[in-house]
Amino acid sequence: MIAVFKTNVSTDSELNVISPLLNSRFKEIKWNIDLWDSDKILRVDSPRDWTKEITELFNSIGLRCINLEIFHSAPF
């Protein structure tokens, strides 16, 4: 499953805050944030849907994260 989120992560320091949180709480996901995209897109590749948990994590530290789309596909 690939989930696509719009975020407001716009600086390296914000990325440095969210990175260890995503890595420690969601060990089986692969993710990236495109800081060059106008919507600061977060892409998450995971065998399970973590949409609610990821959105809550961002909100808990004052960042915005809105789910745009979920694609269901076979794992790589």
Protein backbone atom coordinates (compact mmCIF):
# COMPACT_ATOMS: atom_id res chain seq x y z
CA MET A 1 0.00 0.00 0.00
CA ILE A 2 1.24 3.45 -0.87
CA ALA A 3 -0.28 6.45 0.90
CA VAL A 4 0.22 10.02 -0.27
CA PHE A 5 -0.10 12.94 2.15
CA LYS A 6 0.07 16.72 1.84
CA THR A 7 2.17 18.16 4.68
CA ASN A 8 3.50 21.51 5.82
CA VAL A 9 7.04 20.24 6.48
CA SER A 10 9.09 22.93 4.80
CA THR A 11 12.49 23.02 6.49
CA ASP A 12 15.31 20.61 7.22
CA SER A 13 14.82 21.24 10.94
CA GLU A 14 11.15 20.14 10.73
CA LEU A 15 12.25 17.12 8.74
CA ASN A 16 14.84 16.36 11.44
CA VAL A 17 12.06 16.38 14.05
CA ILE A 18 9.65 14.10 12.19
CA SER A 19 12.23 11.65 10.76
CA PRO A 20 13.22 9.88 14.00
CA LEU A 21 9.58 9.72 15.07
CA LEU A 22 8.48 8.05 11.83
CA ASN A 23 11.47 5.71 11.88
CA SER A 24 10.98 4.60 15.48
CA ARG A 25 7.18 4.24 15.51
CA PHE A 26 6.70 2.70 12.07
CA LYS A 27 9.67 0.39 11.57
CA GLU A 28 8.24 -1.49 8.58
CA ILE A 29 7.42 1.53 6.42
CA LYS A 30 9.45 3.21 3.71
CA TRP A 31 8.80 6.91 3.44
CA ASN A 32 10.02 10.16 1.95
CA ILE A 33 9.01 13.82 1.95
CA ASP A 34 9.54 15.93 -1.14
CA LEU A 35 10.48 19.36 0.23
CA TRP A 36 10.70 20.73 -3.32
CA ASP A 37 7.06 19.92 -4.08
CA SER A 38 4.61 22.76 -3.34
CA ASP A 39 2.48 20.33 -1.27
CA LYS A 40 5.50 18.91 0.62
CA ILE A 41 4.31 15.41 -0.32
CA LEU A 42 4.90 12.53 2.09
CA ARG A 43 4.83 9.11 0.43
CA VAL A 44 4.53 6.03 2.63
CA ASP A 45 5.02 2.47 1.41
CA SER A 46 3.79 -0.09 3.91
CA PRO A 47 2.07 -3.47 4.06
CA ARG A 48 -0.56 -1.90 6.34
CA ASP A 49 -2.61 1.30 6.43
CA TRP A 50 -1.07 3.71 8.99
CA THR A 51 -2.97 6.78 7.75
CA LYS A 52 -4.67 7.61 11.04
CA GLU A 53 -1.55 7.04 13.15
CA ILE A 54 0.72 9.07 10.87
CA THR A 55 -1.75 11.96 10.73
CA GLU A 56 -2.06 11.93 14.54
CA LEU A 57 1.74 11.87 14.93
CA PHE A 58 2.15 14.95 12.74
CA ASN A 59 -0.66 16.77 14.55
CA SER A 60 0.83 15.93 17.96
CA ILE A 61 3.99 17.91 17.13
CA GLY A 62 2.22 20.81 15.45
CA LEU A 63 2.67 19.75 11.83
CA ARG A 64 -0.09 19.24 9.28
CA CYS A 65 -0.55 16.00 7.37
CA ILE A 66 -3.57 15.39 5.14
CA ASN A 67 -4.15 12.09 3.37
CA LEU A 68 -4.64 12.61 -0.36
CA GLU A 69 -4.67 9.11 -1.78
CA ILE A 70 -4.02 5.44 -1.03
CA PHE A 71 -2.86 2.97 -3.66
CA HIS A 72 -3.11 -0.74 -3.02
CA SER A 73 -0.44 -2.75 -4.77
CA ALA A 74 1.68 -5.83 -4.34
CA PRO A 75 4.75 -5.24 -2.17
CA PHE A 76 8.05 -4.62 -3.93
